[in-house]
Protein backbone atom coordinates (compact mmCIF):
# COMPACT_ATOMS: atom_id res chain seq x y z
CA MET A 1 164.52 -59.65 60.08
CA LYS A 2 160.73 -60.02 60.89
CA GLU A 3 158.25 -59.21 57.97
CA PHE A 4 157.41 -55.39 57.76
CA LYS A 5 153.69 -56.64 57.77
CA SER A 6 154.40 -56.61 61.52
CA ILE A 7 154.65 -52.67 61.60
CA LYS A 8 151.67 -51.18 63.37
CA VAL A 9 150.93 -47.58 62.33
CA THR A 10 148.13 -46.10 64.34
CA LYS A 11 146.69 -42.43 65.37
CA GLY A 12 147.49 -41.02 68.50
CA ILE A 13 146.41 -37.93 70.19
CA LYS A 14 148.70 -35.40 68.32
CA THR A 15 150.84 -38.05 66.18
CA LEU A 16 150.95 -41.03 64.96
CA ILE A 17 151.93 -44.43 67.18
CA ILE A 18 154.48 -46.49 65.67
CA ASP A 19 155.18 -49.72 66.90
CA ASN A 20 158.11 -51.19 64.62
CA PRO A 21 159.55 -54.84 65.79
CA THR A 22 161.58 -54.93 63.03
CA ASN A 23 165.10 -53.76 61.96
CA TYR A 24 163.77 -51.58 58.96
CA PRO A 25 164.31 -47.69 59.83
CA MET A 26 161.47 -44.87 59.30
CA ILE A 27 162.42 -42.29 57.00
CA GLY A 28 159.24 -40.24 57.13
CA MET A 29 156.12 -39.58 58.78
CA GLY A 30 152.74 -37.72 58.16
CA SER A 31 149.22 -37.52 58.50
CA GLN A 32 148.49 -40.30 56.69
CA GLY A 33 151.07 -42.86 57.64
CA ALA A 34 154.93 -43.38 58.06
CA VAL A 35 157.56 -44.93 55.18
CA PHE A 36 160.03 -47.32 56.32
CA LYS A 37 163.08 -48.05 54.45
CA LEU A 38 163.29 -51.69 52.70
CA SER A 39 166.52 -51.95 50.51
CA GLU A 40 168.51 -49.39 48.57
CA GLU A 41 165.52 -49.67 45.80
CA LYS A 42 162.30 -50.21 47.64
CA CYS A 43 160.42 -48.51 50.49
CA VAL A 44 157.03 -49.41 52.10
CA LYS A 45 153.97 -46.87 53.09
CA ILE A 46 151.86 -48.02 56.11
CA TYR A 47 148.42 -46.31 56.85
CA THR A 48 146.38 -45.77 59.57
CA ASP A 49 143.10 -45.48 57.37
CA GLU A 50 143.03 -48.17 54.73
CA MET A 51 141.07 -46.28 52.80
CA GLN A 52 143.68 -43.66 51.98
CA ALA A 53 146.24 -46.73 51.03
CA LYS A 54 143.40 -47.70 48.65
CA MET A 55 143.19 -44.14 47.48
CA GLU A 56 147.35 -43.97 47.04
CA ALA A 57 147.26 -47.72 45.40
CA GLU A 58 145.03 -46.56 42.92
CA ALA A 59 146.39 -43.27 41.89
CA LEU A 60 150.01 -45.45 41.91
CA LYS A 61 148.71 -47.79 39.40
CA ALA A 62 147.11 -45.07 37.35
CA GLY A 63 150.51 -42.91 36.94
CA GLN A 64 152.88 -45.98 36.24
CA HIS A 65 153.51 -44.95 32.63
CA LEU A 66 154.29 -41.39 34.27
CA SER A 67 158.30 -40.61 34.44
CA PHE A 68 157.99 -38.80 37.71
CA PHE A 69 155.81 -41.39 39.61
CA PRO A 70 157.39 -44.12 41.70
CA ARG A 71 157.66 -47.51 40.48
CA LEU A 72 154.71 -49.74 42.15
CA TYR A 73 156.19 -52.99 43.70
CA GLU A 74 153.16 -54.58 45.53
CA THR A 75 149.96 -53.19 47.71
CA GLY A 76 147.78 -54.71 50.47
CA THR A 77 145.02 -53.31 52.66
CA ASN A 78 146.76 -50.81 54.77
CA PHE A 79 150.41 -50.31 52.93
CA VAL A 80 152.10 -49.89 49.69
CA VAL A 81 155.62 -51.11 48.58
CA MET A 82 156.89 -48.73 46.18
CA GLU A 83 160.36 -47.20 44.74
CA TYR A 84 162.91 -46.24 47.11
CA PHE A 85 164.92 -42.17 46.46
CA ASN A 86 167.69 -41.78 47.92
CA ALA A 87 167.87 -37.75 46.83
CA PRO A 88 167.08 -34.47 48.37
CA THR A 89 163.44 -33.02 47.72
CA LEU A 90 163.24 -29.78 45.69
CA LYS A 91 162.89 -27.90 48.65
CA GLU A 92 166.54 -28.80 49.92
CA TYR A 93 167.89 -28.82 46.36
CA LEU A 94 166.62 -24.70 45.71
CA ARG A 95 167.80 -24.05 49.33
CA ASN A 96 170.69 -21.58 48.25
CA CYS A 97 169.19 -20.71 44.95
CA THR A 98 168.22 -16.87 44.38
CA TYR A 99 166.53 -17.77 41.34
CA ILE A 100 164.68 -20.68 39.93
CA PRO A 101 166.64 -22.74 37.40
CA GLU A 102 165.06 -22.78 33.86
CA SER A 103 165.76 -26.51 33.62
CA ILE A 104 163.81 -27.05 37.31
CA THR A 105 160.85 -24.66 35.96
CA LYS A 106 160.66 -26.96 32.48
CA LYS A 107 160.08 -30.00 34.36
CA LEU A 108 157.45 -28.95 36.51
CA LEU A 109 155.38 -27.17 34.13
CA SER A 110 155.62 -31.11 32.11
CA MET A 111 154.81 -32.27 35.92
CA LEU A 112 152.15 -30.80 36.06
CA ASN A 113 150.17 -30.78 32.12
CA ALA A 114 151.09 -34.39 32.90
CA MET A 115 149.01 -34.60 35.97
CA LYS A 116 146.13 -32.90 34.12
CA LYS A 117 146.24 -35.17 30.60
CA ALA A 118 145.95 -38.23 33.32
CA ASN A 119 142.82 -36.74 34.84
CA PHE A 120 143.95 -36.32 38.43
CA THR A 121 142.11 -33.64 40.08
CA MET A 122 144.98 -32.73 42.14
CA VAL A 123 147.47 -30.90 39.63
CA ASP A 124 149.58 -29.73 42.33
CA ALA A 125 152.30 -31.23 44.72
CA PRO A 126 154.64 -29.55 47.47
CA LEU A 127 158.09 -29.43 47.39
CA ARG A 128 158.96 -31.56 49.98
CA HIS A 129 157.14 -34.21 47.86
CA ILE A 130 159.28 -33.51 44.85
CA PHE A 131 162.71 -35.49 44.80
CA VAL A 132 165.44 -34.39 42.41
CA LEU A 133 167.67 -37.57 41.16
CA GLU A 134 170.75 -37.39 38.95
CA ASN A 135 170.12 -34.74 35.83
CA GLU A 136 167.79 -33.05 37.74
CA GLU A 137 165.05 -35.85 36.95
CA LEU A 138 161.99 -35.42 39.48
CA LYS A 139 159.87 -38.06 41.24
CA VAL A 140 156.85 -37.46 42.95
CA VAL A 141 155.47 -39.13 46.07
CA ASP A 142 152.18 -38.91 48.34
CA HIS A 143 148.97 -39.37 45.83
CA VAL A 144 146.62 -39.72 48.46
CA ASN A 145 144.52 -37.37 47.05
CA ALA A 146 145.47 -37.01 43.33
CA PHE A 147 141.66 -38.09 42.67
CA LYS A 148 140.07 -36.53 45.79
CA ARG A 149 141.27 -32.83 46.38
CA GLN A 150 140.31 -30.25 43.92
CA HIS A 151 143.84 -28.47 42.73
CA PRO A 152 143.31 -27.15 39.56
CA VAL A 153 146.40 -24.94 39.41
CA PRO A 154 149.34 -25.62 41.76
CA LEU A 155 148.47 -24.27 44.89
CA LYS A 156 150.78 -26.07 47.26
CA LEU A 157 153.94 -25.47 44.82
CA LEU A 158 153.62 -22.09 44.36
CA ARG A 159 152.77 -21.37 48.18
CA ASP A 160 155.80 -23.01 48.99
CA LEU A 161 157.72 -21.03 46.47
CA ASN A 162 156.37 -18.37 47.77
CA ILE A 163 157.81 -19.03 51.54
CA ILE A 164 161.53 -19.45 50.05
CA LEU A 165 161.07 -15.86 47.65
CA LEU A 166 161.17 -18.19 44.40
CA LYS A 167 157.66 -17.96 43.35
CA ASP A 168 158.34 -14.46 41.33
CA SER A 169 161.54 -16.05 39.72
CA PHE A 170 159.13 -18.97 38.88
CA LEU A 171 156.07 -17.09 37.55
CA SER A 172 158.46 -15.13 34.96
CA ARG A 173 159.74 -17.89 33.65
CA VAL A 174 156.20 -19.44 33.17
CA GLN A 175 155.81 -16.21 31.32
CA LYS A 176 158.15 -17.26 29.00
CA MET A 177 157.08 -20.83 28.25
CA GLU A 178 153.70 -21.29 28.80
CA PRO A 179 152.05 -17.95 29.02
CA ASP A 180 148.27 -19.47 28.50
CA SER A 181 149.57 -21.69 31.66
CA LEU A 182 149.94 -18.55 33.73
CA LYS A 183 147.10 -16.82 32.39
CA THR A 184 145.14 -20.30 33.60
CA TRP A 185 146.44 -19.12 36.96
CA GLU A 186 145.68 -15.96 37.02
CA GLU A 187 142.38 -16.00 36.12
CA TYR A 188 141.55 -18.96 38.77
CA PHE A 189 143.25 -16.86 41.69
CA ASP A 190 140.86 -13.68 40.52
CA ASN A 191 137.78 -16.02 40.62
CA ASN A 192 138.61 -17.79 43.80
CA SER A 193 140.72 -15.25 45.81
CA LEU A 194 139.98 -15.28 49.45
CA ASP A 195 140.90 -12.13 51.84
CA TYR A 196 142.45 -13.57 55.13
CA ARG A 197 139.58 -11.88 56.89
CA ASN A 198 137.29 -14.60 55.07
CA ILE A 199 139.45 -17.47 55.26
CA PRO A 200 137.17 -19.91 56.52
CA VAL A 201 138.17 -22.21 59.37
CA THR A 202 135.74 -23.32 61.94
CA SER A 203 135.79 -25.42 65.08
CA GLY A 204 136.87 -29.29 65.01
CA GLY A 205 134.57 -29.77 68.26
CA SER A 206 135.99 -30.47 71.87
CA GLY A 207 139.52 -31.92 72.16
CA LYS A 208 139.77 -31.66 68.00
CA GLY A 209 141.80 -29.43 65.80
CA VAL A 210 140.05 -26.76 63.96
CA LYS A 211 139.32 -27.83 60.15
CA VAL A 212 140.42 -25.21 57.23
CA ASP A 213 139.96 -25.72 53.31
CA SER A 214 142.78 -27.10 51.94
CA ALA A 215 142.10 -24.82 48.74
CA VAL A 216 143.05 -21.63 49.83
CA SER A 217 146.18 -20.14 48.18
CA GLN A 218 147.56 -18.82 51.58
CA PRO A 219 150.19 -20.81 52.92
CA LEU A 220 149.07 -22.96 56.01
CA ILE A 221 152.27 -22.61 58.73
CA GLY A 222 150.28 -24.58 61.80
CA LYS A 223 147.04 -25.26 63.35
CA GLY A 224 145.64 -26.49 66.85
CA HIS A 225 142.61 -26.75 68.69
CA GLN A 226 141.80 -22.96 68.48
CA GLY A 227 143.15 -21.97 65.79
CA ALA A 228 144.79 -21.84 62.16
CA VAL A 229 147.85 -19.81 61.02
CA TYR A 230 148.52 -18.68 57.73
CA ARG A 231 151.66 -16.88 56.20
CA ILE A 232 150.57 -13.39 54.56
CA SER A 233 153.97 -11.72 53.86
CA GLU A 234 157.61 -12.27 54.51
CA ASP A 235 156.91 -11.31 57.79
CA LYS A 236 154.00 -11.44 58.96
CA CYS A 237 151.36 -14.41 59.60
CA VAL A 238 147.40 -14.46 60.61
CA LYS A 239 145.67 -16.70 63.27
CA ILE A 240 142.17 -17.68 62.54
CA TYR A 241 140.25 -18.55 64.97
CA GLY A 242 137.45 -21.26 65.08
CA LYS A 243 135.22 -18.95 68.00
CA PRO A 244 135.49 -15.97 68.14
CA ASP A 245 135.83 -15.91 71.60
CA HIS A 246 139.23 -17.93 71.77
CA CYS A 247 140.23 -14.65 69.32
CA LYS A 248 139.07 -12.25 72.10
CA GLN A 249 140.85 -14.02 74.72
CA GLU A 250 143.74 -14.21 72.81
CA LYS A 251 143.91 -10.71 71.33
CA GLU A 252 143.27 -9.29 75.41
CA VAL A 253 146.78 -11.05 76.52
CA LEU A 254 148.63 -9.45 73.20
CA LEU A 255 147.59 -6.00 73.32
CA SER A 256 147.88 -5.92 77.06
CA ASN A 257 151.24 -7.38 77.15
CA GLN A 258 153.41 -5.70 74.29
CA ASP A 259 155.55 -4.41 76.37
CA LEU A 260 156.74 -7.82 77.11
CA PRO A 261 159.66 -9.07 75.25
CA PHE A 262 158.65 -12.57 74.36
CA ILE A 263 155.36 -11.28 73.12
CA PRO A 264 154.91 -11.58 69.20
CA LYS A 265 154.19 -7.99 67.81
CA VAL A 266 150.15 -7.55 66.88
CA TYR A 267 149.69 -5.70 63.47
CA GLU A 268 146.04 -6.04 63.64
CA THR A 269 142.80 -7.69 64.83
CA GLY A 270 139.13 -8.81 63.82
CA GLN A 271 136.64 -10.54 65.53
CA ASN A 272 138.11 -13.47 64.69
CA TYR A 273 141.56 -13.37 64.00
CA ILE A 274 145.04 -11.96 64.91
CA VAL A 275 147.62 -10.74 62.30
CA MET A 276 151.01 -10.42 64.16
CA GLU A 277 154.35 -11.00 63.15
CA TYR A 278 155.87 -14.15 61.75
CA LEU A 279 158.19 -15.98 63.68
CA ARG A 280 161.33 -17.19 61.82
CA GLY A 281 163.24 -19.84 63.68
CA ALA A 282 162.86 -23.42 64.77
CA ASN A 283 160.65 -23.59 68.09
CA LEU A 284 162.54 -24.94 71.53
CA ASN A 285 161.45 -28.50 71.38
CA GLN A 286 162.68 -29.02 67.76
CA TYR A 287 166.10 -26.97 68.83
CA LEU A 288 166.54 -29.54 72.46
CA LYS A 289 166.18 -32.82 69.83
CA LYS A 290 169.68 -31.84 68.38
CA GLN A 291 171.39 -31.04 71.97
CA ASP A 292 173.02 -33.34 74.20
CA ARG A 293 172.43 -31.43 77.39
CA LEU A 294 170.37 -28.41 78.98
CA SER A 295 172.04 -25.34 79.13
CA GLU A 296 171.73 -22.93 81.83
CA GLU A 297 170.80 -20.51 79.43
CA ILE A 298 167.79 -22.23 78.53
CA THR A 299 166.78 -22.46 81.82
CA LYS A 300 167.41 -18.86 82.63
CA ARG A 301 165.46 -17.16 79.51
CA LEU A 302 162.37 -20.21 80.33
CA LEU A 303 162.44 -18.61 84.14
CA ASP A 304 162.55 -15.40 83.16
CA ILE A 305 159.38 -15.80 81.31
CA LEU A 306 157.21 -17.77 83.29
CA THR A 307 158.50 -15.16 86.22
CA ALA A 308 157.54 -12.14 83.65
CA MET A 309 154.09 -13.97 83.13
CA LYS A 310 153.31 -14.31 86.89
CA ASN A 311 154.59 -10.61 87.47
CA SER A 312 151.84 -9.40 84.73
CA GLY A 313 148.84 -11.00 85.60
CA PHE A 314 149.07 -14.46 83.70
CA LYS A 315 146.85 -17.05 85.47
CA GLN A 316 148.10 -20.15 83.28
CA ILE A 317 151.98 -20.31 84.25
CA ASP A 318 153.42 -22.70 81.61
CA ALA A 319 155.66 -22.45 78.81
CA PRO A 320 155.12 -25.57 76.66
CA LEU A 321 158.41 -26.08 74.01
CA ARG A 322 156.40 -26.18 70.79
CA HIS A 323 155.23 -22.68 71.84
CA ILE A 324 158.65 -20.94 72.41
CA PHE A 325 160.49 -19.75 69.21
CA LEU A 326 164.17 -19.37 68.98
CA THR A 327 164.45 -16.07 66.86
CA ASN A 328 167.22 -13.32 65.80
CA GLN A 329 165.16 -11.18 68.99
CA GLY A 330 165.36 -13.93 71.71
CA PHE A 331 162.75 -16.00 72.70
CA LYS A 332 158.99 -15.30 71.50
CA PHE A 333 156.28 -17.26 73.20
CA VAL A 334 152.73 -18.20 70.69
CA ASP A 335 149.46 -19.40 71.77
CA HIS A 336 148.22 -17.58 74.76
CA VAL A 337 144.67 -17.96 74.58
CA TYR A 338 143.75 -19.83 78.00
CA SER A 339 146.54 -17.12 79.82
CA TYR A 340 143.98 -14.70 81.55
CA THR A 341 141.15 -17.35 82.06
CA ARG A 342 142.98 -21.31 83.09
CA VAL A 343 144.45 -21.07 86.61
CA GLN A 344 147.31 -23.04 86.43
CA ASP A 345 150.69 -21.87 89.01
CA ARG A 346 153.15 -24.72 87.46
CA PRO A 347 154.05 -25.24 84.57
CA LEU A 348 153.60 -28.61 83.81
CA GLU A 349 153.32 -29.22 80.51
CA LEU A 350 156.38 -27.86 80.28
CA PHE A 351 157.75 -30.24 82.75
CA GLN A 352 156.20 -33.03 80.92
CA ASN A 353 158.16 -31.84 77.51
CA LEU A 354 161.38 -31.38 79.37
CA HIS A 355 160.70 -35.10 81.00
CA GLU A 356 160.02 -36.41 77.25
CA ARG A 357 163.38 -34.95 76.75
CA GLY A 358 165.28 -36.15 79.46
CA TYR A 359 165.80 -32.45 80.92
CA LEU A 360 163.54 -32.41 83.56
CA GLU A 361 165.85 -33.08 86.33
CA ALA A 362 168.76 -30.76 84.99
CA PHE A 363 166.23 -27.78 84.58
CA LEU A 364 164.85 -28.21 88.14
CA GLU A 365 168.31 -28.69 89.21
CA GLN A 366 169.20 -25.09 87.30
CA VAL A 367 166.27 -23.65 88.53
CA LYS A 368 167.32 -24.50 92.37
CA ALA A 369 170.09 -22.40 91.77
CA LEU A 370 168.81 -19.59 90.47
CA ASP A 371 165.79 -19.22 92.20
CA PRO A 372 164.88 -21.12 95.02
CA LYS A 373 161.66 -20.03 96.29
CA THR A 374 160.56 -20.97 93.27
CA HIS A 375 161.68 -24.22 92.88
CA ALA A 376 160.65 -25.10 96.61
CA LYS A 377 157.22 -24.38 95.02
CA TRP A 378 157.08 -26.28 92.30
CA THR A 379 158.34 -29.22 93.97
CA SER A 380 156.66 -28.83 97.60
CA GLU A 381 153.98 -31.27 95.43
CA PRO A 382 154.17 -34.26 93.25
CA ILE A 383 154.50 -33.80 89.59
CA PRO A 384 152.62 -35.67 87.52
CA LEU A 385 154.48 -37.34 84.62
CA SER A 386 153.77 -39.85 82.48
CA GLU A 387 154.23 -40.99 78.91
CA ASN A 388 151.44 -39.48 76.64
CA ASN A 389 150.27 -38.14 79.53
CA GLN A 390 148.53 -35.07 78.25
CA GLU A 391 144.96 -35.39 79.37
CA ILE A 392 146.73 -35.97 82.73
CA VAL A 393 148.50 -32.68 82.84
CA GLU A 394 145.04 -30.89 82.42
CA GLU A 395 143.11 -32.70 84.83
CA VAL A 396 146.05 -32.14 87.82
CA ALA A 397 145.99 -28.73 86.44
CA SER A 398 142.68 -28.43 87.05
CA LYS A 399 142.63 -29.80 90.23
CA GLU A 400 145.03 -27.66 91.42
CA ALA A 401 143.50 -24.34 90.60
CA GLN A 402 140.28 -25.27 92.48
CA PRO A 403 140.09 -23.49 95.77
CA LYS A 404 141.65 -25.68 98.79
CA LYS A 405 139.55 -26.52 101.25
CA LYS A 406 139.98 -26.79 105.13
CA ALA A 407 139.97 -30.38 106.67
CA HIS A 408 137.32 -30.88 109.09
CA THR A 409 137.40 -35.00 109.24
CA THR A 410 135.56 -37.13 111.79
CA GLU A 411 137.87 -40.24 113.40
CA LYS A 412 135.98 -42.16 110.55
CA GLU A 413 137.01 -40.42 108.14
CA ARG A 414 140.58 -40.32 108.84
CA SER A 415 140.58 -44.50 109.10
CA MET A 416 139.08 -44.11 105.93
CA LYS A 417 141.76 -42.31 104.11
CA LYS A 418 143.73 -45.02 105.17
CA ALA A 419 142.27 -47.33 103.18
CA LYS A 420 143.93 -49.42 100.65
CA HIS A 421 144.57 -48.58 96.84
CA PRO A 422 144.99 -50.92 93.93
CA ALA A 423 147.45 -53.63 94.82
CA GLY A 424 147.58 -52.97 98.26
CA LYS A 425 148.97 -49.85 98.44
CA SER A 426 148.49 -46.99 100.64
CA LYS A 427 146.87 -43.94 98.61
CA LYS A 428 150.26 -42.20 99.85
CA SER A 429 152.76 -44.77 98.10
CA TRP A 430 150.12 -45.35 95.31
CA PHE A 431 150.01 -41.59 93.93
CA ARG A 432 154.06 -41.54 94.66
CA GLU A 433 154.07 -44.31 91.76
CA GLN A 434 151.82 -42.37 89.51
CA TYR A 435 153.12 -38.69 89.76
CA ARG A 436 156.49 -39.09 90.56
CA ASN A 437 159.21 -36.14 91.16
CA PRO A 438 162.08 -37.40 89.57
CA LEU A 439 164.24 -34.51 91.11
CA LYS A 440 162.99 -36.42 95.02
CA ASP A 441 163.38 -39.64 93.79
CA ARG A 442 166.88 -39.45 92.95
CA LYS A 443 167.62 -37.83 95.91
CA ARG A 444 165.74 -40.72 98.32
């Protein structure tokens, strides 16, 4: 078995890129790095940024005297080897609870007090970073920001408990056990309360995600290039935009199409925010990861959405899997910033997503049976497909949006078009290799 140091973890466009030539299984991945199981007692976290590896190593060393810290075995320029826990997270442990156990509350308070006494600036931990061992012993992982972020009160812990409806139960127990702690938390929230209309969200620049304030107490449930989404109640969320123009564009689409069943319900809008319904359920990308086939019902619903978009005047006809949510009311489709402004008549990102899941061929065959005309239009030109080709999809979409020009070629120009491309290949054969249509290739 190869040494774990041969594993490489680097940042990709939307996720981490893992190169693992070893047999050590990956058991977790986050924004900072990936975790691999080395044995029943040990795991290694490999970071994309050496500075973050150094920060976590320092925090782990400083917390070795704390019972809830993982044991530290080894550190390196881009890794730490620590204790492995084969146990549920606190989020999983509390999943079916209607109230939080007194014993858990007592241990959480003890943990927070110990963090404060150890001079950590981040006296906090989300539920997914807390593991519950035998006898309800708690262990906490991910301490990169222990001495960096300023969380004098448990913002993330309270946020997560609120999402699973246990915040009130927890606070009522805190009131009985440590009333002074509760008073301190309440004073902090009173002094630092933020109306969601004023939550700071700034543009990250071209091609980058928006920037948010980690100290905001509202639960952040997602962020992208145009905005960040916070949950503000059991049935509502707010999307706050880095640029007012993006808010204006999406607001126009959502308000103009409230009659479409897949458009989220809008409750309130402002210059830089939209309050809409909170969607419970997995997105379609998460759902399809667990399926062994693409059902015709899924294809039909996607086709119905794309057809309705076209009939309703949408210019960008696409439905990325991560933007489709499976809810009790059917499919719901989010992120419509460019639906009226970006011209694209084929669902190129949907094609790419289905290709990555291994379902594109089945999808096109089912579309052909359901709607032959749409299938013919979608496959009249090669479909751009590649690994990690978001830029290619956007580039081809942009080119397809340009008006077609009539060809007025001379004999000389026609001969130039036959010039060979790389490796002595004709333009036509080279283009086929770069942008393959899997359905036509199969029939060939």
